[in-house]
Amino acid sequence: MLVIGRALMALPTLCIFDEPSTGMSPVLVEQSFHVIEQLRDEGITVLLIEQNVKKSLEIADRGYVLESGRVVLEGDREELASSEVMGRAYLGL
């Protein structure tokens, strides 16, 4: 949260988050994603690189799935959440 606060002092139009949930407790993950969602809602563009697919799809407008550095799947949150490939590989469906 301190890093996010420091970044916001510069009044950014874009914030990049690289694996913000790594090593966090579930409660802190929820809080962090809530803050990221608020930033998005306030008009700040958010680029989120994250392995927590379920949480990411809850707040994403659009997503890209990379494998070995290549985009293998892309779409809006609804397209990705309903994708059979995505469900099997990343959502445990």
PDB file of N, CA and C in Angstrom:
ATOM      1  N   MET A   1       0.826  -1.192   0.000  1.00  0.00           N
ATOM      2  CA  MET A   1       0.000   0.000   0.000  1.00  0.00           C
ATOM      3  C   MET A   1       0.869   1.255   0.000  1.00  0.00           C
ATOM      4  N   LEU A   2       1.990   1.175   0.667  1.00  0.00           N
ATOM      5  CA  LEU A   2       2.897   2.325   0.687  1.00  0.00           C
ATOM      6  C   LEU A   2       3.410   2.633  -0.713  1.00  0.00           C
ATOM      7  N   VAL A   3       3.769   1.612  -1.465  1.00  0.00           N
ATOM      8  CA  VAL A   3       4.275   1.803  -2.822  1.00  0.00           C
ATOM      9  C   VAL A   3       3.190   2.409  -3.705  1.00  0.00           C
ATOM     10  N   ILE A   4       1.966   1.949  -3.554  1.00  0.00           N
ATOM     11  CA  ILE A   4       0.854   2.502  -4.336  1.00  0.00           C
ATOM     12  C   ILE A   4       0.659   3.968  -3.973  1.00  0.00           C
ATOM     13  N   GLY A   5       0.689   4.277  -2.680  1.00  0.00           N
ATOM     14  CA  GLY A   5       0.538   5.656  -2.236  1.00  0.00           C
ATOM     15  C   GLY A   5       1.615   6.569  -2.795  1.00  0.00           C
ATOM     16  N   ARG A   6       2.846   6.090  -2.768  1.00  0.00           N
ATOM     17  CA  ARG A   6       3.951   6.884  -3.322  1.00  0.00           C
ATOM     18  C   ARG A   6       3.757   7.133  -4.808  1.00  0.00           C
ATOM     19  N   ALA A   7       3.316   6.100  -5.526  1.00  0.00           N
ATOM     20  CA  ALA A   7       3.099   6.242  -6.965  1.00  0.00           C
ATOM     21  C   ALA A   7       1.994   7.250  -7.257  1.00  0.00           C
ATOM     22  N   LEU A   8       0.949   7.244  -6.444  1.00  0.00           N
ATOM     23  CA  LEU A   8      -0.192   8.131  -6.675  1.00  0.00           C
ATOM     24  C   LEU A   8       0.144   9.596  -6.433  1.00  0.00           C
ATOM     25  N   MET A   9       1.184   9.850  -5.667  1.00  0.00           N
ATOM     26  CA  MET A   9       1.590  11.229  -5.417  1.00  0.00           C
ATOM     27  C   MET A   9       2.017  11.929  -6.711  1.00  0.00           C
ATOM     28  N   ALA A  10       2.433  11.162  -7.709  1.00  0.00           N
ATOM     29  CA  ALA A  10       2.862  11.725  -8.988  1.00  0.00           C
ATOM     30  C   ALA A  10       1.684  11.932  -9.945  1.00  0.00           C
ATOM     31  N   LEU A  11       0.451  11.658  -9.494  1.00  0.00           N
ATOM     32  CA  LEU A  11      -0.758  11.799 -10.313  1.00  0.00           C
ATOM     33  C   LEU A  11      -0.633  11.073 -11.660  1.00  0.00           C
ATOM     34  N   PRO A  12      -0.381   9.769 -11.608  1.00  0.00           N
ATOM     35  CA  PRO A  12      -0.155   9.024 -12.853  1.00  0.00           C
ATOM     36  C   PRO A  12      -1.439   8.832 -13.656  1.00  0.00           C
ATOM     37  N   THR A  13      -1.268   8.616 -14.942  1.00  0.00           N
ATOM     38  CA  THR A  13      -2.396   8.229 -15.791  1.00  0.00           C
ATOM     39  C   THR A  13      -2.354   6.724 -16.056  1.00  0.00           C
ATOM     40  N   LEU A  14      -1.235   6.092 -15.715  1.00  0.00           N
ATOM     41  CA  LEU A  14      -1.034   4.658 -15.888  1.00  0.00           C
ATOM     42  C   LEU A  14      -0.302   4.104 -14.675  1.00  0.00           C
ATOM     43  N   CYS A  15      -0.807   2.998 -14.137  1.00  0.00           N
ATOM     44  CA  CYS A  15      -0.113   2.275 -13.070  1.00  0.00           C
ATOM     45  C   CYS A  15       0.091   0.835 -13.530  1.00  0.00           C
ATOM     46  N   ILE A  16       1.304   0.336 -13.377  1.00  0.00           N
ATOM     47  CA  ILE A  16       1.622  -1.039 -13.747  1.00  0.00           C
ATOM     48  C   ILE A  16       1.869  -1.822 -12.465  1.00  0.00           C
ATOM     49  N   PHE A  17       1.137  -2.921 -12.318  1.00  0.00           N
ATOM     50  CA  PHE A  17       1.283  -3.791 -11.147  1.00  0.00           C
ATOM     51  C   PHE A  17       1.789  -5.146 -11.619  1.00  0.00           C
ATOM     52  N   ASP A  18       2.940  -5.555 -11.120  1.00  0.00           N
ATOM     53  CA  ASP A  18       3.538  -6.837 -11.497  1.00  0.00           C
ATOM     54  C   ASP A  18       3.432  -7.786 -10.317  1.00  0.00           C
ATOM     55  N   GLU A  19       2.508  -8.732 -10.429  1.00  0.00           N
ATOM     56  CA  GLU A  19       2.273  -9.749  -9.406  1.00  0.00           C
ATOM     57  C   GLU A  19       2.044  -9.136  -8.012  1.00  0.00           C
ATOM     58  N   PRO A  20       1.078  -8.233  -7.868  1.00  0.00           N
ATOM     59  CA  PRO A  20       0.881  -7.586  -6.572  1.00  0.00           C
ATOM     60  C   PRO A  20       0.424  -8.527  -5.458  1.00  0.00           C
ATOM     61  N   SER A  21      -0.127  -9.679  -5.787  1.00  0.00           N
ATOM     62  CA  SER A  21      -0.633 -10.564  -4.736  1.00  0.00           C
ATOM     63  C   SER A  21       0.394 -11.587  -4.247  1.00  0.00           C
ATOM     64  N   THR A  22       1.567 -11.604  -4.857  1.00  0.00           N
ATOM     65  CA  THR A  22       2.577 -12.596  -4.491  1.00  0.00           C
ATOM     66  C   THR A  22       2.965 -12.477  -3.016  1.00  0.00           C
ATOM     67  N   GLY A  23       2.834 -13.574  -2.300  1.00  0.00           N
ATOM     68  CA  GLY A  23       3.247 -13.624  -0.902  1.00  0.00           C
ATOM     69  C   GLY A  23       2.305 -12.965   0.079  1.00  0.00           C
ATOM     70  N   MET A  24       1.135 -12.526  -0.371  1.00  0.00           N
ATOM     71  CA  MET A  24       0.184 -11.849   0.513  1.00  0.00           C
ATOM     72  C   MET A  24      -0.838 -12.827   1.073  1.00  0.00           C
ATOM     73  N   SER A  25      -1.331 -12.501   2.238  1.00  0.00           N
ATOM     74  CA  SER A  25      -2.430 -13.271   2.818  1.00  0.00           C
ATOM     75  C   SER A  25      -3.696 -12.992   2.014  1.00  0.00           C
ATOM     76  N   PRO A  26      -4.673 -13.894   2.073  1.00  0.00           N
ATOM     77  CA  PRO A  26      -5.924 -13.664   1.333  1.00  0.00           C
ATOM     78  C   PRO A  26      -6.594 -12.327   1.657  1.00  0.00           C
ATOM     79  N   VAL A  27      -6.526 -11.890   2.901  1.00  0.00           N
ATOM     80  CA  VAL A  27      -7.134 -10.617   3.285  1.00  0.00           C
ATOM     81  C   VAL A  27      -6.429  -9.453   2.584  1.00  0.00           C
ATOM     82  N   LEU A  28      -5.107  -9.482   2.560  1.00  0.00           N
ATOM     83  CA  LEU A  28      -4.355  -8.421   1.894  1.00  0.00           C
ATOM     84  C   LEU A  28      -4.548  -8.450   0.378  1.00  0.00           C
ATOM     85  N   VAL A  29      -4.707  -9.647  -0.186  1.00  0.00           N
ATOM     86  CA  VAL A  29      -4.992  -9.755  -1.619  1.00  0.00           C
ATOM     87  C   VAL A  29      -6.306  -9.051  -1.928  1.00  0.00           C
ATOM     88  N   GLU A  30      -7.333  -9.316  -1.121  1.00  0.00           N
ATOM     89  CA  GLU A  30      -8.635  -8.671  -1.316  1.00  0.00           C
ATOM     90  C   GLU A  30      -8.505  -7.151  -1.243  1.00  0.00           C
ATOM     91  N   GLN A  31      -7.799  -6.668  -0.237  1.00  0.00           N
ATOM     92  CA  GLN A  31      -7.631  -5.229  -0.065  1.00  0.00           C
ATOM     93  C   GLN A  31      -6.868  -4.610  -1.230  1.00  0.00           C
ATOM     94  N   SER A  32      -5.817  -5.274  -1.659  1.00  0.00           N
ATOM     95  CA  SER A  32      -5.005  -4.750  -2.758  1.00  0.00           C
ATOM     96  C   SER A  32      -5.803  -4.692  -4.058  1.00  0.00           C
ATOM     97  N   PHE A  33      -6.548  -5.741  -4.345  1.00  0.00           N
ATOM     98  CA  PHE A  33      -7.343  -5.742  -5.563  1.00  0.00           C
ATOM     99  C   PHE A  33      -8.461  -4.711  -5.489  1.00  0.00           C
ATOM    100  N   HIS A  34      -8.970  -4.461  -4.307  1.00  0.00           N
ATOM    101  CA  HIS A  34      -9.987  -3.425  -4.144  1.00  0.00           C
ATOM    102  C   HIS A  34      -9.397  -2.050  -4.474  1.00  0.00           C
ATOM    103  N   VAL A  35      -8.193  -1.793  -4.014  1.00  0.00           N
ATOM    104  CA  VAL A  35      -7.524  -0.526  -4.301  1.00  0.00           C
ATOM    105  C   VAL A  35      -7.253  -0.402  -5.800  1.00  0.00           C
ATOM    106  N   ILE A  36      -6.788  -1.473  -6.418  1.00  0.00           N
ATOM    107  CA  ILE A  36      -6.519  -1.451  -7.861  1.00  0.00           C
ATOM    108  C   ILE A  36      -7.812  -1.169  -8.628  1.00  0.00           C
ATOM    109  N   GLU A  37      -8.898  -1.780  -8.192  1.00  0.00           N
ATOM    110  CA  GLU A  37     -10.198  -1.545  -8.831  1.00  0.00           C
ATOM    111  C   GLU A  37     -10.631  -0.085  -8.669  1.00  0.00           C
ATOM    112  N   GLN A  38     -10.400   0.482  -7.504  1.00  0.00           N
ATOM    113  CA  GLN A  38     -10.734   1.891  -7.282  1.00  0.00           C
ATOM    114  C   GLN A  38      -9.934   2.802  -8.202  1.00  0.00           C
ATOM    115  N   LEU A  39      -8.658   2.505  -8.366  1.00  0.00           N
ATOM    116  CA  LEU A  39      -7.822   3.304  -9.262  1.00  0.00           C
ATOM    117  C   LEU A  39      -8.384   3.266 -10.678  1.00  0.00           C
ATOM    118  N   ARG A  40      -8.753   2.078 -11.114  1.00  0.00           N
ATOM    119  CA  ARG A  40      -9.344   1.940 -12.447  1.00  0.00           C
ATOM    120  C   ARG A  40     -10.625   2.754 -12.561  1.00  0.00           C
ATOM    121  N   ASP A  41     -11.462   2.678 -11.536  1.00  0.00           N
ATOM    122  CA  ASP A  41     -12.729   3.403 -11.539  1.00  0.00           C
ATOM    123  C   ASP A  41     -12.531   4.921 -11.535  1.00  0.00           C
ATOM    124  N   GLU A  42     -11.394   5.378 -11.028  1.00  0.00           N
ATOM    125  CA  GLU A  42     -11.084   6.810 -11.005  1.00  0.00           C
ATOM    126  C   GLU A  42     -10.459   7.294 -12.307  1.00  0.00           C
ATOM    127  N   GLY A  43     -10.337   6.396 -13.283  1.00  0.00           N
ATOM    128  CA  GLY A  43      -9.843   6.788 -14.593  1.00  0.00           C
ATOM    129  C   GLY A  43      -8.371   6.550 -14.830  1.00  0.00           C
ATOM    130  N   ILE A  44      -7.690   5.922 -13.893  1.00  0.00           N
ATOM    131  CA  ILE A  44      -6.277   5.598 -14.085  1.00  0.00           C
ATOM    132  C   ILE A  44      -6.208   4.272 -14.849  1.00  0.00           C
ATOM    133  N   THR A  45      -5.435   4.259 -15.914  1.00  0.00           N
ATOM    134  CA  THR A  45      -5.234   3.024 -16.666  1.00  0.00           C
ATOM    135  C   THR A  45      -4.378   2.091 -15.821  1.00  0.00           C
ATOM    136  N   VAL A  46      -4.814   0.839 -15.702  1.00  0.00           N
ATOM    137  CA  VAL A  46      -4.101  -0.140 -14.891  1.00  0.00           C
ATOM    138  C   VAL A  46      -3.660  -1.294 -15.781  1.00  0.00           C
ATOM    139  N   LEU A  47      -2.372  -1.596 -15.742  1.00  0.00           N
ATOM    140  CA  LEU A  47      -1.829  -2.776 -16.397  1.00  0.00           C
ATOM    141  C   LEU A  47      -1.461  -3.736 -15.282  1.00  0.00           C
ATOM    142  N   LEU A  48      -2.151  -4.854 -15.238  1.00  0.00           N
ATOM    143  CA  LEU A  48      -1.977  -5.820 -14.150  1.00  0.00           C
ATOM    144  C   LEU A  48      -1.391  -7.101 -14.711  1.00  0.00           C
ATOM    145  N   ILE A  49      -0.213  -7.470 -14.229  1.00  0.00           N
ATOM    146  CA  ILE A  49       0.409  -8.741 -14.575  1.00  0.00           C
ATOM    147  C   ILE A  49       0.231  -9.618 -13.345  1.00  0.00           C
ATOM    148  N   GLU A  50      -0.525 -10.692 -13.478  1.00  0.00           N
ATOM    149  CA  GLU A  50      -0.928 -11.433 -12.276  1.00  0.00           C
ATOM    150  C   GLU A  50      -1.229 -12.889 -12.620  1.00  0.00           C
ATOM    151  N   GLN A  51      -0.835 -13.793 -11.723  1.00  0.00           N
ATOM    152  CA  GLN A  51      -1.137 -15.208 -11.906  1.00  0.00           C
ATOM    153  C   GLN A  51      -2.441 -15.612 -11.230  1.00  0.00           C
ATOM    154  N   ASN A  52      -2.974 -14.768 -10.386  1.00  0.00           N
ATOM    155  CA  ASN A  52      -4.252 -15.048  -9.742  1.00  0.00           C
ATOM    156  C   ASN A  52      -5.359 -14.694 -10.732  1.00  0.00           C
ATOM    157  N   VAL A  53      -5.693 -15.656 -11.584  1.00  0.00           N
ATOM    158  CA  VAL A  53      -6.606 -15.418 -12.707  1.00  0.00           C
ATOM    159  C   VAL A  53      -7.999 -15.052 -12.227  1.00  0.00           C
ATOM    160  N   LYS A  54      -8.504 -15.741 -11.227  1.00  0.00           N
ATOM    161  CA  LYS A  54      -9.864 -15.462 -10.747  1.00  0.00           C
ATOM    162  C   LYS A  54      -9.994 -14.022 -10.259  1.00  0.00           C
ATOM    163  N   LYS A  55      -9.076 -13.569  -9.441  1.00  0.00           N
ATOM    164  CA  LYS A  55      -9.130 -12.197  -8.927  1.00  0.00           C
ATOM    165  C   LYS A  55      -8.928 -11.195 -10.062  1.00  0.00           C
ATOM    166  N   SER A  56      -8.042 -11.497 -10.966  1.00  0.00           N
ATOM    167  CA  SER A  56      -7.772 -10.582 -12.075  1.00  0.00           C
ATOM    168  C   SER A  56      -8.999 -10.393 -12.954  1.00  0.00           C
ATOM    169  N   LEU A  57      -9.693 -11.489 -13.250  1.00  0.00           N
ATOM    170  CA  LEU A  57     -10.878 -11.390 -14.102  1.00  0.00           C
ATOM    171  C   LEU A  57     -12.029 -10.661 -13.418  1.00  0.00           C
ATOM    172  N   GLU A  58     -12.011 -10.610 -12.096  1.00  0.00           N
ATOM    173  CA  GLU A  58     -13.060  -9.879 -11.381  1.00  0.00           C
ATOM    174  C   GLU A  58     -12.964  -8.374 -11.636  1.00  0.00           C
ATOM    175  N   ILE A  59     -11.753  -7.870 -11.874  1.00  0.00           N
ATOM    176  CA  ILE A  59     -11.590  -6.423 -12.018  1.00  0.00           C
ATOM    177  C   ILE A  59     -11.147  -5.990 -13.409  1.00  0.00           C
ATOM    178  N   ALA A  60     -10.799  -6.944 -14.253  1.00  0.00           N
ATOM    179  CA  ALA A  60     -10.274  -6.592 -15.579  1.00  0.00           C
ATOM    180  C   ALA A  60     -11.369  -6.180 -16.541  1.00  0.00           C
ATOM    181  N   ASP A  61     -11.029  -5.263 -17.421  1.00  0.00           N
ATOM    182  CA  ASP A  61     -11.890  -4.956 -18.558  1.00  0.00           C
ATOM    183  C   ASP A  61     -11.516  -5.878 -19.711  1.00  0.00           C
ATOM    184  N   ARG A  62     -10.233  -6.139 -19.836  1.00  0.00           N
ATOM    185  CA  ARG A  62      -9.696  -6.939 -20.931  1.00  0.00           C
ATOM    186  C   ARG A  62      -8.510  -7.728 -20.406  1.00  0.00           C
ATOM    187  N   GLY A  63      -8.250  -8.890 -21.001  1.00  0.00           N
ATOM    188  CA  GLY A  63      -7.139  -9.707 -20.547  1.00  0.00           C
ATOM    189  C   GLY A  63      -6.399 -10.374 -21.694  1.00  0.00           C
ATOM    190  N   TYR A  64      -5.170 -10.712 -21.416  1.00  0.00           N
ATOM    191  CA  TYR A  64      -4.310 -11.427 -22.359  1.00  0.00           C
ATOM    192  C   TYR A  64      -3.648 -12.558 -21.591  1.00  0.00           C
ATOM    193  N   VAL A  65      -3.617 -13.729 -22.180  1.00  0.00           N
ATOM    194  CA  VAL A  65      -2.953 -14.876 -21.569  1.00  0.00           C
ATOM    195  C   VAL A  65      -1.680 -15.128 -22.366  1.00  0.00           C
ATOM    196  N   LEU A  66      -0.564 -15.145 -21.651  1.00  0.00           N
ATOM    197  CA  LEU A  66       0.731 -15.375 -22.289  1.00  0.00           C
ATOM    198  C   LEU A  66       1.244 -16.756 -21.922  1.00  0.00           C
ATOM    199  N   GLU A  67       1.806 -17.419 -22.884  1.00  0.00           N
ATOM    200  CA  GLU A  67       2.527 -18.676 -22.657  1.00  0.00           C
ATOM    201  C   GLU A  67       3.838 -18.573 -23.412  1.00  0.00           C
ATOM    202  N   SER A  68       4.929 -18.735 -22.717  1.00  0.00           N
ATOM    203  CA  SER A  68       6.268 -18.636 -23.305  1.00  0.00           C
ATOM    204  C   SER A  68       6.452 -17.328 -24.076  1.00  0.00           C
ATOM    205  N   GLY A  69       5.890 -16.243 -23.523  1.00  0.00           N
ATOM    206  CA  GLY A  69       6.067 -14.935 -24.106  1.00  0.00           C
ATOM    207  C   GLY A  69       5.171 -14.621 -25.287  1.00  0.00           C
ATOM    208  N   ARG A  70       4.236 -15.501 -25.587  1.00  0.00           N
ATOM    209  CA  ARG A  70       3.334 -15.287 -26.722  1.00  0.00           C
ATOM    210  C   ARG A  70       1.888 -15.191 -26.231  1.00  0.00           C
ATOM    211  N   VAL A  71       1.125 -14.310 -26.847  1.00  0.00           N
ATOM    212  CA  VAL A  71      -0.294 -14.180 -26.529  1.00  0.00           C
ATOM    213  C   VAL A  71      -1.019 -15.385 -27.131  1.00  0.00           C
ATOM    214  N   VAL A  72      -1.656 -16.198 -26.269  1.00  0.00           N
ATOM    215  CA  VAL A  72      -2.373 -17.382 -26.744  1.00  0.00           C
ATOM    216  C   VAL A  72      -3.884 -17.224 -26.612  1.00  0.00           C
ATOM    217  N   LEU A  73      -4.307 -16.221 -25.870  1.00  0.00           N
ATOM    218  CA  LEU A  73      -5.733 -15.988 -25.671  1.00  0.00           C
ATOM    219  C   LEU A  73      -5.915 -14.539 -25.265  1.00  0.00           C
ATOM    220  N   GLU A  74      -6.946 -13.905 -25.801  1.00  0.00           N
ATOM    221  CA  GLU A  74      -7.233 -12.523 -25.427  1.00  0.00           C
ATOM    222  C   GLU A  74      -8.726 -12.279 -25.553  1.00  0.00           C
ATOM    223  N   GLY A  75      -9.198 -11.295 -24.793  1.00  0.00           N
ATOM    224  CA  GLY A  75     -10.602 -10.938 -24.877  1.00  0.00           C
ATOM    225  C   GLY A  75     -11.018 -10.113 -23.684  1.00  0.00           C
ATOM    226  N   ASP A  76     -12.307  -9.730 -23.663  1.00  0.00           N
ATOM    227  CA  ASP A  76     -12.793  -9.015 -22.496  1.00  0.00           C
ATOM    228  C   ASP A  76     -13.037 -10.024 -21.370  1.00  0.00           C
ATOM    229  N   ARG A  77     -13.351  -9.521 -20.197  1.00  0.00           N
ATOM    230  CA  ARG A  77     -13.449 -10.392 -19.017  1.00  0.00           C
ATOM    231  C   ARG A  77     -14.470 -11.503 -19.217  1.00  0.00           C
ATOM    232  N   GLU A  78     -15.606 -11.198 -19.846  1.00  0.00           N
ATOM    233  CA  GLU A  78     -16.647 -12.210 -20.052  1.00  0.00           C
ATOM    234  C   GLU A  78     -16.182 -13.286 -21.022  1.00  0.00           C
ATOM    235  N   GLU A  79     -15.508 -12.873 -22.093  1.00  0.00           N
ATOM    236  CA  GLU A  79     -14.997 -13.843 -23.069  1.00  0.00           C
ATOM    237  C   GLU A  79     -13.996 -14.788 -22.421  1.00  0.00           C
ATOM    238  N   LEU A  80     -13.084 -14.230 -21.649  1.00  0.00           N
ATOM    239  CA  LEU A  80     -12.066 -15.061 -21.017  1.00  0.00           C
ATOM    240  C   LEU A  80     -12.659 -15.972 -19.945  1.00  0.00           C
ATOM    241  N   ALA A  81     -13.562 -15.430 -19.141  1.00  0.00           N
ATOM    242  CA  ALA A  81     -14.165 -16.234 -18.072  1.00  0.00           C
ATOM    243  C   ALA A  81     -14.980 -17.392 -18.626  1.00  0.00           C
ATOM    244  N   SER A  82     -15.564 -17.213 -19.814  1.00  0.00           N
ATOM    245  CA  SER A  82     -16.390 -18.274 -20.386  1.00  0.00           C
ATOM    246  C   SER A  82     -15.620 -19.164 -21.358  1.00  0.00           C
ATOM    247  N   SER A  83     -14.355 -18.866 -21.586  1.00  0.00           N
ATOM    248  CA  SER A  83     -13.546 -19.654 -22.510  1.00  0.00           C
ATOM    249  C   SER A  83     -13.282 -21.040 -21.935  1.00  0.00           C
ATOM    250  N   GLU A  84     -13.522 -22.042 -22.747  1.00  0.00           N
ATOM    251  CA  GLU A  84     -13.284 -23.422 -22.329  1.00  0.00           C
ATOM    252  C   GLU A  84     -11.810 -23.664 -22.021  1.00  0.00           C
ATOM    253  N   VAL A  85     -10.938 -23.121 -22.855  1.00  0.00           N
ATOM    254  CA  VAL A  85      -9.491 -23.261 -22.664  1.00  0.00           C
ATOM    255  C   VAL A  85      -9.084 -22.620 -21.332  1.00  0.00           C
ATOM    256  N   MET A  86      -9.554 -21.424 -21.113  1.00  0.00           N
ATOM    257  CA  MET A  86      -9.234 -20.695 -19.883  1.00  0.00           C
ATOM    258  C   MET A  86      -9.755 -21.447 -18.662  1.00  0.00           C
ATOM    259  N   GLY A  87     -10.970 -21.938 -18.748  1.00  0.00           N
ATOM    260  CA  GLY A  87     -11.563 -22.663 -17.629  1.00  0.00           C
ATOM    261  C   GLY A  87     -10.768 -23.890 -17.251  1.00  0.00           C
ATOM    262  N   ARG A  88     -10.360 -24.649 -18.225  1.00  0.00           N
ATOM    263  CA  ARG A  88      -9.592 -25.879 -17.949  1.00  0.00           C
ATOM    264  C   ARG A  88      -8.200 -25.566 -17.431  1.00  0.00           C
ATOM    265  N   ALA A  89      -7.538 -24.625 -18.082  1.00  0.00           N
ATOM    266  CA  ALA A  89      -6.121 -24.377 -17.770  1.00  0.00           C
ATOM    267  C   ALA A  89      -5.905 -23.515 -16.531  1.00  0.00           C
ATOM    268  N   TYR A  90      -6.810 -22.553 -16.282  1.00  0.00           N
ATOM    269  CA  TYR A  90      -6.508 -21.560 -15.254  1.00  0.00           C
ATOM    270  C   TYR A  90      -7.569 -21.391 -14.168  1.00  0.00           C
ATOM    271  N   LEU A  91      -8.770 -21.858 -14.422  1.00  0.00           N
ATOM    272  CA  LEU A  91      -9.841 -21.615 -13.457  1.00  0.00           C
ATOM    273  C   LEU A  91     -10.324 -22.889 -12.755  1.00  0.00           C
ATOM    274  N   GLY A  92      -9.708 -24.012 -13.066  1.00  0.00           N
ATOM    275  CA  GLY A  92     -10.057 -25.264 -12.403  1.00  0.00           C
ATOM    276  C   GLY A  92     -11.447 -25.778 -12.732  1.00  0.00           C
ATOM    277  N   LEU A  93     -11.928 -25.489 -13.929  1.00  0.00           N
ATOM    278  CA  LEU A  93     -13.267 -25.951 -14.329  1.00  0.00           C
ATOM    279  C   LEU A  93     -13.179 -27.207 -15.175  1.00  0.00           C
TER     280      LEU A  93
END
